[in-house]
């Protein structure tokens, strides 16, 4: 009898073990992640901690669901995947980037607490968890990891796209009633608070970044190509009518970046005839660029005058934008006041009292030590992105959307302070960075 009970218990534990490690259960947890990413990114304004929490008489009052609740979903999923890896005797890699991020965020949380900015303290665990989730849910099977990455990335991309599309719709709706289209600030569709154009443009960045990949992926499906073109034309139209430049610039950069990555991977497989066609195409495009530069410099056919009359020249233009000067001066002020907010003493430049960069804003409000830690973090994740970009194997095609997405979102953070003003905006970039690191760890045994 005792032997029978022991056998039954052993059999039951084996069933539980197999059930826990089964693909069906793992697929359920992954589905939860994708659903959470999509809904959280689509309704991010509703989940914004600043909108949903308030402090009354020193007590934190919760009003509704926010990113703090989403965190517990992430924790449960992360614990499941970590235990799953442990039970399968899979080696864990030391991640210097994650270590640097956690240290920096804990220091920021301590400073927030002493400033009595209690609402933002929880970003000490919210932001690193976004990076962790990007890593751990990819599994260790290189045959399905790309499918996982694609689903996660586009759950995020389409979620934030819908959020921004509705915010732009609200601007057009208000313009219909008031006969004036706002180009700098307008009310959000979701929470009816006034935000800047650059804030709303964030939702379009990832779809703009993945334009080349989506066209390539849908090359055999004409309806898919038409739909992709319609969406991106609408994005560019929205950008133009509100005098934005980010997505207009990013689509050019990312089409070129996708083309370079694609040619790098496939060059050895091309016939000599195709190689000649590619070389001639590059020469023609190069010649056209040279002609445009000459037309710009010498004002041929009034080309430079037309540029000055357009919104492309606003703020000093693209290459000589005033934001570069502002960020340079802000960096110098941060060195002058390494532990204090320099905005308490002086403006950066003209009417700019702060920098125009996420990392510089972290430095301004939290000190040079935090800024240095986050710069080191960024350098490490850039190294990870470079490893993926130069990786050549049957599964490395994920670079076609991950690398443009990584470049685009970090360009946004470098030129906009919104990643600090709305701290959860950084979760987008951290999730993508975690995906890249996770792919590298599965596909490169030499990762450090």
Protein backbone atom coordinates (compact mmCIF):
# COMPACT_ATOMS: atom_id res chain seq x y z
CA UNK A 1 0.00 0.00 0.00
CA UNK A 2 2.78 2.35 0.93
CA UNK A 3 4.66 1.46 -2.25
CA UNK A 4 1.49 2.12 -4.25
CA UNK A 5 1.06 5.56 -2.67
CA UNK A 6 4.69 6.39 -3.33
CA UNK A 7 4.32 5.35 -6.98
CA UNK A 8 1.14 7.40 -7.35
CA UNK A 9 2.78 10.46 -5.82
CA UNK A 10 5.80 10.01 -8.06
CA UNK A 11 3.59 9.64 -11.12
CA UNK A 12 1.59 12.70 -10.09
CA UNK A 13 4.75 14.78 -9.66
CA UNK A 14 5.96 13.64 -13.08
CA UNK A 15 2.66 14.67 -14.65
CA UNK A 16 2.86 18.05 -12.90
CA UNK A 17 6.45 18.50 -14.09
CA UNK A 18 5.54 17.64 -17.68
CA UNK A 19 2.45 19.85 -17.52
CA UNK A 20 4.49 22.80 -16.23
CA UNK A 21 7.06 22.43 -19.00
CA UNK A 22 4.55 21.63 -21.76
CA UNK A 23 4.40 23.78 -24.88
CA UNK A 24 0.69 24.41 -24.28
CA UNK A 25 1.25 26.05 -20.89
CA UNK A 26 4.26 27.96 -22.18
CA UNK A 27 2.17 29.16 -25.13
CA UNK A 28 -0.52 30.35 -22.73
CA UNK A 29 1.96 32.51 -20.81
CA UNK A 30 3.36 33.91 -24.04
CA UNK A 31 -0.16 34.77 -25.23
CA UNK A 32 -0.73 36.61 -21.95
CA UNK A 33 2.44 38.63 -22.59
CA UNK A 34 1.41 39.61 -26.14
CA UNK A 35 -2.14 40.49 -25.05
CA UNK A 36 -0.79 42.57 -22.17
CA UNK A 37 1.72 44.37 -24.40
CA UNK A 38 -0.94 45.16 -27.00
CA UNK A 39 -3.61 46.40 -24.59
CA UNK A 40 -1.16 48.28 -22.35
CA UNK A 41 0.41 50.07 -25.32
CA UNK A 42 -2.97 50.88 -26.88
CA UNK A 43 -4.43 52.24 -23.63
CA UNK A 44 -1.18 53.67 -22.25
CA UNK A 45 -2.72 57.05 -21.50
CA UNK A 46 -5.29 55.33 -19.28
CA UNK A 47 -2.54 53.40 -17.50
CA UNK A 48 -0.30 56.42 -16.94
CA UNK A 49 0.47 56.50 -13.22
CA UNK A 50 0.29 60.31 -13.09
CA UNK A 51 -3.31 60.20 -14.33
CA UNK A 52 -4.43 57.40 -12.04
CA UNK A 53 -2.74 58.08 -8.72
CA UNK A 54 -2.83 61.05 -6.40
CA UNK A 55 -1.43 61.93 -2.98
CA UNK A 56 -3.81 63.27 -0.35
CA UNK A 57 -2.57 64.18 3.11
CA UNK A 58 0.59 62.19 2.47
CA UNK A 59 -1.37 59.04 1.54
CA UNK A 60 -1.20 57.46 -1.92
CA UNK A 61 -4.74 57.09 -3.30
CA UNK A 62 -5.36 54.68 -6.21
CA UNK A 63 -8.10 55.66 -8.62
CA UNK A 64 -7.95 52.95 -11.28
CA UNK A 65 -5.78 50.41 -13.11
CA UNK A 66 -2.25 51.61 -13.92
CA UNK A 67 1.17 50.28 -14.93
CA UNK A 68 1.80 49.15 -11.36
CA UNK A 69 -0.88 46.49 -11.85
CA UNK A 70 0.60 45.47 -15.21
CA UNK A 71 3.89 44.92 -13.37
CA UNK A 72 2.46 41.94 -11.47
CA UNK A 73 1.48 40.26 -14.72
CA UNK A 74 5.07 40.71 -15.86
CA UNK A 75 6.42 39.31 -12.58
CA UNK A 76 4.30 36.14 -12.77
CA UNK A 77 5.32 35.55 -16.39
CA UNK A 78 9.00 36.24 -15.69
CA UNK A 79 9.03 33.85 -12.71
CA UNK A 80 7.41 31.13 -14.82
CA UNK A 81 10.02 31.43 -17.58
CA UNK A 82 12.94 31.63 -15.15
CA UNK A 83 11.78 28.47 -13.33
CA UNK A 84 11.21 26.78 -16.69
CA UNK A 85 14.79 27.55 -17.75
CA UNK A 86 16.13 26.37 -14.40
CA UNK A 87 14.27 23.04 -14.62
CA UNK A 88 15.70 22.49 -18.08
CA UNK A 89 19.23 23.17 -16.81
CA UNK A 90 19.68 26.13 -19.13
CA UNK A 91 22.60 28.40 -18.30
CA UNK A 92 21.83 31.97 -17.26
CA UNK A 93 24.05 34.71 -18.71
CA UNK A 94 25.29 37.66 -16.69
CA UNK A 95 23.78 40.80 -18.19
CA UNK A 96 25.85 43.93 -17.53
CA UNK A 97 23.22 46.15 -19.16
CA UNK A 98 20.47 44.92 -16.84
CA UNK A 99 22.73 45.36 -13.82
CA UNK A 100 23.54 48.93 -14.83
CA UNK A 101 19.86 49.71 -15.47
CA UNK A 102 18.70 48.35 -12.11
CA UNK A 103 21.40 50.28 -10.21
CA UNK A 104 20.51 53.53 -11.99
CA UNK A 105 16.76 53.10 -11.47
CA UNK A 106 17.17 52.28 -7.78
CA UNK A 107 19.20 55.45 -7.31
CA UNK A 108 16.54 57.46 -9.17
CA UNK A 109 13.85 55.90 -6.95
CA UNK A 110 15.72 56.93 -3.79
CA UNK A 111 15.98 60.49 -5.10
CA UNK A 112 12.29 60.50 -6.07
CA UNK A 113 11.36 59.33 -2.59
CA UNK A 114 13.40 62.07 -0.92
CA UNK A 115 11.78 64.62 -3.25
CA UNK A 116 8.40 63.21 -2.13
CA UNK A 117 7.70 62.29 -5.75
CA UNK A 118 6.13 59.03 -4.64
CA UNK A 119 4.25 58.33 -7.85
CA UNK A 120 7.44 57.77 -9.82
CA UNK A 121 9.24 55.55 -7.29
CA UNK A 122 7.73 52.39 -8.77
CA UNK A 123 9.53 52.95 -12.08
CA UNK A 124 12.55 51.49 -10.26
CA UNK A 125 11.03 48.07 -10.94
CA UNK A 126 8.67 48.84 -13.85
CA UNK A 127 11.42 49.85 -16.30
CA UNK A 128 13.88 46.98 -15.66
CA UNK A 129 10.98 44.52 -15.84
CA UNK A 130 10.21 45.63 -19.41
CA UNK A 131 13.79 44.72 -20.38
CA UNK A 132 13.57 41.41 -18.50
CA UNK A 133 10.29 40.42 -20.18
CA UNK A 134 11.83 41.12 -23.59
CA UNK A 135 14.56 38.59 -22.75
CA UNK A 136 12.91 35.75 -20.87
CA UNK A 137 9.80 35.01 -22.95
CA UNK A 138 11.74 34.15 -26.11
CA UNK A 139 12.32 30.54 -24.96
CA UNK A 140 15.57 28.76 -25.80
CA UNK A 141 14.44 27.14 -29.02
CA UNK A 142 16.09 28.97 -31.96
CA UNK A 143 13.44 27.49 -34.29
CA UNK A 144 10.57 29.47 -32.75
CA UNK A 145 12.35 32.46 -31.23
CA UNK A 146 11.92 34.58 -34.37
CA UNK A 147 8.19 33.95 -34.42
CA UNK A 148 8.05 35.07 -30.78
CA UNK A 149 10.00 38.23 -31.50
CA UNK A 150 7.79 39.12 -34.43
CA UNK A 151 4.57 38.69 -32.44
CA UNK A 152 5.86 40.68 -29.47
CA UNK A 153 7.25 43.49 -31.61
CA UNK A 154 4.10 44.00 -33.65
CA UNK A 155 1.83 43.63 -30.61
CA UNK A 156 3.71 46.66 -29.31
CA UNK A 157 3.90 48.50 -32.65
CA UNK A 158 0.20 48.23 -33.49
CA UNK A 159 -0.85 49.00 -29.92
CA UNK A 160 0.95 52.33 -29.73
CA UNK A 161 -0.05 53.07 -33.34
CA UNK A 162 -3.74 52.82 -32.45
CA UNK A 163 -3.20 55.07 -29.42
CA UNK A 164 -1.54 57.80 -31.49
CA UNK A 165 -3.96 57.38 -34.40
CA UNK A 166 -6.85 58.17 -32.06
CA UNK A 167 -4.98 61.17 -30.65
CA UNK A 168 -4.49 62.52 -34.19
CA UNK A 169 -8.13 61.77 -34.95
CA UNK A 170 -9.07 63.92 -31.96
CA UNK A 171 -7.03 66.79 -33.42
CA UNK A 172 -8.82 66.49 -36.78
CA UNK A 173 -12.18 66.25 -35.00
CA UNK A 174 -11.51 69.42 -33.02
CA UNK A 175 -10.26 71.15 -36.19
CA UNK A 176 -13.59 70.35 -37.87
CA UNK A 177 -15.47 72.19 -35.12
CA UNK A 178 -13.05 75.08 -34.53
CA UNK A 179 -11.82 75.43 -38.14
CA UNK A 180 -8.18 75.44 -36.97
CA UNK A 181 -5.83 72.44 -36.96
CA UNK A 182 -3.41 72.46 -34.03
CA UNK A 183 0.20 71.73 -34.97
CA UNK A 184 2.03 72.00 -31.64
CA UNK A 185 -0.31 70.98 -28.81
CA UNK A 186 -3.77 69.46 -28.64
CA UNK A 187 -5.97 67.38 -26.37
CA UNK A 188 -5.45 63.63 -26.13
CA UNK A 189 -8.35 61.43 -27.21
CA UNK A 190 -7.86 59.16 -24.22
CA UNK A 191 -7.51 61.39 -21.15
CA UNK A 192 -8.29 64.87 -22.48
CA UNK A 193 -4.99 66.35 -21.37
CA UNK A 194 -2.91 68.62 -23.59
CA UNK A 195 0.24 67.02 -24.99
CA UNK A 196 2.79 68.02 -27.62
CA UNK A 197 2.87 66.85 -31.24
CA UNK A 198 6.17 65.04 -30.61
CA UNK A 199 4.52 63.03 -27.84
CA UNK A 200 1.76 61.86 -30.15
CA UNK A 201 4.24 61.02 -32.93
CA UNK A 202 5.84 58.33 -30.77
CA UNK A 203 3.06 55.88 -31.63
CA UNK A 204 3.99 55.94 -35.32
CA UNK A 205 7.72 55.33 -34.88
CA UNK A 206 7.77 51.51 -34.82
CA UNK A 207 5.50 51.04 -37.84
CA UNK A 208 7.59 53.57 -39.74
CA UNK A 209 10.73 51.69 -38.67
CA UNK A 210 9.38 48.32 -39.82
CA UNK A 211 8.04 49.57 -43.18
CA UNK A 212 10.78 47.88 -45.22
CA UNK A 213 10.38 44.58 -43.38
CA UNK A 214 6.58 44.57 -43.71
CA UNK A 215 6.79 45.15 -47.47
CA UNK A 216 9.36 42.36 -47.76
CA UNK A 217 7.26 40.01 -45.62
CA UNK A 218 4.11 40.72 -47.69
CA UNK A 219 5.84 40.62 -51.07
CA UNK A 220 3.64 37.74 -52.27
CA UNK A 221 0.39 39.23 -50.96
CA UNK A 222 -0.78 42.29 -52.88
CA UNK A 223 -3.57 43.06 -50.39
CA UNK A 224 -1.04 43.10 -47.55
CA UNK A 225 1.23 45.47 -49.47
CA UNK A 226 -1.69 47.81 -50.23
CA UNK A 227 -2.72 47.85 -46.56
CA UNK A 228 0.86 48.57 -45.43
CA UNK A 229 1.16 51.41 -47.96
CA UNK A 230 -2.17 52.91 -46.85
CA UNK A 231 -1.14 52.86 -43.18
CA UNK A 232 2.24 54.46 -43.88
CA UNK A 233 0.75 57.07 -46.22
CA UNK A 234 -1.66 58.02 -43.42
CA UNK A 235 1.26 58.25 -40.98
CA UNK A 236 3.16 60.55 -43.34
CA UNK A 237 0.02 62.61 -44.02
CA UNK A 238 -0.55 63.11 -40.29
CA UNK A 239 3.10 64.11 -39.90
CA UNK A 240 2.93 66.63 -42.74
CA UNK A 241 -0.32 68.39 -41.80
CA UNK A 242 0.83 69.02 -38.21
CA UNK A 243 4.28 70.09 -39.45
CA UNK A 244 6.10 67.16 -37.86
CA UNK A 245 9.36 65.87 -39.30
CA UNK A 246 10.27 62.80 -37.27
CA UNK A 247 8.45 60.09 -39.19
CA UNK A 248 9.21 61.70 -42.55
CA UNK A 249 12.89 61.52 -41.70
CA UNK A 250 12.70 58.08 -40.09
CA UNK A 251 11.05 56.38 -43.04
CA UNK A 252 13.95 57.40 -45.29
CA UNK A 253 16.55 56.30 -42.73
CA UNK A 254 14.84 52.99 -42.12
CA UNK A 255 14.27 52.07 -45.75
CA UNK A 256 18.00 52.64 -46.31
CA UNK A 257 18.86 50.68 -43.14
CA UNK A 258 16.63 47.76 -44.12
CA UNK A 259 18.17 47.73 -47.60
CA UNK A 260 21.71 47.65 -46.19
CA UNK A 261 20.89 44.82 -43.78
CA UNK A 262 19.16 42.84 -46.53
CA UNK A 263 22.02 43.28 -49.00
CA UNK A 264 24.58 42.41 -46.32
CA UNK A 265 22.83 39.10 -45.66
CA UNK A 266 22.10 38.16 -49.28
CA UNK A 267 25.06 39.56 -51.22
CA UNK A 268 26.92 36.24 -51.51
CA UNK A 269 23.78 34.57 -52.86
CA UNK A 270 23.19 37.13 -55.63
CA UNK A 271 24.17 36.36 -59.19
CA UNK A 272 26.67 38.62 -60.94
CA UNK A 273 23.83 40.17 -62.93
CA UNK A 274 21.88 41.16 -59.81
CA UNK A 275 25.04 42.52 -58.19
CA UNK A 276 25.61 44.80 -61.18
CA UNK A 277 22.01 46.04 -61.00
CA UNK A 278 22.39 46.78 -57.28
CA UNK A 279 25.69 48.63 -57.83
CA UNK A 280 24.21 50.74 -60.64
CA UNK A 281 21.16 51.54 -58.53
CA UNK A 282 23.39 52.67 -55.66
CA UNK A 283 25.44 54.84 -58.04
CA UNK A 284 22.29 56.45 -59.46
CA UNK A 285 20.91 57.16 -55.99
CA UNK A 286 24.30 58.53 -54.92
CA UNK A 287 24.41 60.82 -57.97
CA UNK A 288 20.89 62.10 -57.22
CA UNK A 289 21.90 62.85 -53.63
CA UNK A 290 24.95 64.78 -54.85
CA UNK A 291 22.74 66.78 -57.24
CA UNK A 292 20.31 67.59 -54.44
CA UNK A 293 23.16 68.74 -52.19
CA UNK A 294 24.53 70.97 -54.96
CA UNK A 295 21.06 72.36 -55.64
CA UNK A 296 20.73 73.09 -51.93
CA UNK A 297 24.15 74.77 -51.61
CA UNK A 298 23.93 76.89 -54.77
CA UNK A 299 20.17 77.50 -54.58
CA UNK A 300 19.63 76.04 -58.06
CA UNK A 301 16.11 76.75 -59.29
CA UNK A 302 15.32 78.30 -55.89
CA UNK A 303 15.75 74.95 -54.12
CA UNK A 304 17.27 76.47 -50.96
CA UNK A 305 14.62 79.22 -50.88
CA UNK A 306 11.89 76.60 -50.99
CA UNK A 307 13.60 74.76 -48.14
CA UNK A 308 13.67 77.94 -46.04
CA UNK A 309 9.98 78.51 -46.74
CA UNK A 310 9.07 74.99 -45.58
CA UNK A 311 8.78 73.66 -42.04
CA UNK A 312 11.90 71.57 -42.66
CA UNK A 313 13.95 74.66 -41.78
CA UNK A 314 12.14 75.26 -38.48
CA UNK A 315 14.38 75.28 -35.43
CA UNK A 316 17.51 75.45 -37.56
CA UNK A 317 16.60 72.61 -39.90
CA UNK A 318 17.53 68.93 -39.62
CA UNK A 319 21.34 68.81 -39.49
CA UNK A 320 21.75 72.13 -37.67
CA UNK A 321 18.70 71.90 -35.42
CA UNK A 322 18.72 74.06 -32.32
CA UNK A 323 18.19 70.93 -30.23
CA UNK A 324 21.79 69.87 -30.84
CA UNK A 325 23.01 73.16 -29.39
CA UNK A 326 20.55 72.93 -26.50
CA UNK A 327 21.70 69.41 -25.60
CA UNK A 328 25.37 70.40 -25.84
CA UNK A 329 24.85 73.37 -23.53
CA UNK A 330 22.70 71.25 -21.19
CA UNK A 331 25.51 68.70 -20.94
CA UNK A 332 27.98 71.45 -19.99
CA UNK A 333 25.57 72.74 -17.34
CA UNK A 334 25.14 69.23 -15.96
CA UNK A 335 28.92 69.04 -15.51
CA UNK A 336 28.83 72.41 -13.77
CA UNK A 337 26.00 71.30 -11.45
CA UNK A 338 26.62 67.51 -11.19
CA UNK A 339 24.31 66.97 -8.20
CA UNK A 340 21.77 69.76 -8.70
CA UNK A 341 19.07 70.76 -11.16
CA UNK A 342 20.71 73.52 -13.21
CA UNK A 343 17.26 74.80 -14.26
CA UNK A 344 16.98 76.28 -10.77
CA UNK A 345 19.84 78.65 -11.65
CA UNK A 346 19.76 79.37 -15.36
CA UNK A 347 18.17 78.63 -18.71
CA UNK A 348 20.00 76.37 -21.14
CA UNK A 349 19.52 78.53 -24.22
CA UNK A 350 17.06 81.28 -25.05
CA UNK A 351 13.68 80.03 -23.75
CA UNK A 352 14.90 76.44 -23.25
CA UNK A 353 15.20 75.73 -19.52
CA UNK A 354 15.95 72.03 -19.99
CA UNK A 355 17.59 69.65 -22.45
CA UNK A 356 15.82 67.94 -25.35
CA UNK A 357 17.05 64.41 -24.62
CA UNK A 358 15.78 61.68 -22.31
CA UNK A 359 19.16 60.74 -20.82
CA UNK A 360 20.13 64.38 -20.29
CA UNK A 361 16.84 64.90 -18.44
CA UNK A 362 17.66 61.98 -16.16
CA UNK A 363 21.01 63.67 -15.53
CA UNK A 364 19.50 67.11 -14.94
CA UNK A 365 17.05 65.92 -12.32
CA UNK A 366 18.98 63.03 -10.77
CA UNK A 367 22.64 63.95 -11.11
CA UNK A 368 25.61 63.11 -13.29
CA UNK A 369 26.08 59.66 -11.69
CA UNK A 370 22.69 58.50 -12.99
CA UNK A 371 23.42 59.98 -16.40
CA UNK A 372 26.76 58.17 -16.59
CA UNK A 373 25.17 54.83 -15.60
CA UNK A 374 22.49 55.21 -18.27
CA UNK A 375 25.05 56.15 -20.92
CA UNK A 376 26.97 52.96 -20.09
CA UNK A 377 23.70 51.02 -20.31
CA UNK A 378 23.01 52.50 -23.74
CA UNK A 379 26.52 51.67 -24.97
CA UNK A 380 26.04 48.04 -23.92
CA UNK A 381 22.67 47.68 -25.68
CA UNK A 382 24.13 49.35 -28.78
CA UNK A 383 26.85 46.68 -28.69
CA UNK A 384 24.13 44.01 -28.53
CA UNK A 385 22.34 45.58 -31.50
CA UNK A 386 25.58 45.63 -33.52
CA UNK A 387 26.12 41.92 -32.78
CA UNK A 388 22.65 41.15 -34.15
CA UNK A 389 23.11 43.43 -37.17
CA UNK A 390 26.27 41.61 -38.26
CA UNK A 391 25.00 38.14 -37.46
CA UNK A 392 24.49 35.93 -40.52
CA UNK A 393 22.45 32.76 -40.18
CA UNK A 394 19.07 31.33 -41.17
CA UNK A 395 17.35 32.97 -38.20
CA UNK A 396 18.96 36.42 -38.26
CA UNK A 397 16.21 37.95 -40.42
CA UNK A 398 14.67 39.38 -37.23
CA UNK A 399 17.24 42.15 -37.60
CA UNK A 400 15.12 43.58 -40.46
CA UNK A 401 12.59 44.96 -37.98
CA UNK A 402 14.46 44.86 -34.65
CA UNK A 403 17.45 46.96 -35.72
CA UNK A 404 15.40 49.71 -37.46
CA UNK A 405 13.04 49.69 -34.47
CA UNK A 406 15.97 49.95 -32.05
CA UNK A 407 17.61 52.77 -34.02
CA UNK A 408 14.36 54.72 -34.46
CA UNK A 409 13.18 54.54 -30.86
CA UNK A 410 16.60 55.53 -29.53
CA UNK A 411 16.79 58.43 -31.98
CA UNK A 412 13.44 59.53 -30.57
CA UNK A 413 14.73 59.31 -27.00
CA UNK A 414 17.86 61.24 -28.00
CA UNK A 415 15.87 64.11 -29.51
CA UNK A 416 12.83 64.20 -27.19
CA UNK A 417 12.65 64.51 -23.38
CA UNK A 418 9.33 62.62 -23.27
CA UNK A 419 11.06 59.42 -22.20
CA UNK A 420 11.58 61.15 -18.87
CA UNK A 421 8.45 63.32 -18.71
CA UNK A 422 6.37 60.17 -19.31
CA UNK A 423 8.77 57.59 -17.91
CA UNK A 424 6.82 54.59 -19.10
CA UNK A 425 7.59 55.66 -22.70
CA UNK A 426 11.03 54.15 -22.12
CA UNK A 427 9.44 50.73 -21.61
CA UNK A 428 9.07 50.54 -25.41
CA UNK A 429 12.80 50.84 -26.04
CA UNK A 430 13.69 48.62 -23.09
CA UNK A 431 11.41 45.85 -24.32
CA UNK A 432 13.07 45.97 -27.76
CA UNK A 433 16.55 46.03 -26.18
CA UNK A 434 15.60 42.99 -24.11
CA UNK A 435 14.43 41.17 -27.25
CA UNK A 436 17.76 41.83 -28.97
CA UNK A 437 19.73 40.66 -25.94
CA UNK A 438 17.55 37.55 -25.59
CA UNK A 439 18.03 36.62 -29.26
CA UNK A 440 21.78 37.05 -28.94
CA UNK A 441 21.94 34.85 -25.84
CA UNK A 442 20.07 32.03 -27.59
CA UNK A 443 22.00 32.28 -30.86
CA UNK A 444 25.47 33.26 -29.66
CA UNK A 445 27.22 31.09 -27.08
CA UNK A 446 29.93 33.71 -26.65
CA UNK A 447 27.64 36.43 -25.25
CA UNK A 448 29.09 38.31 -22.30
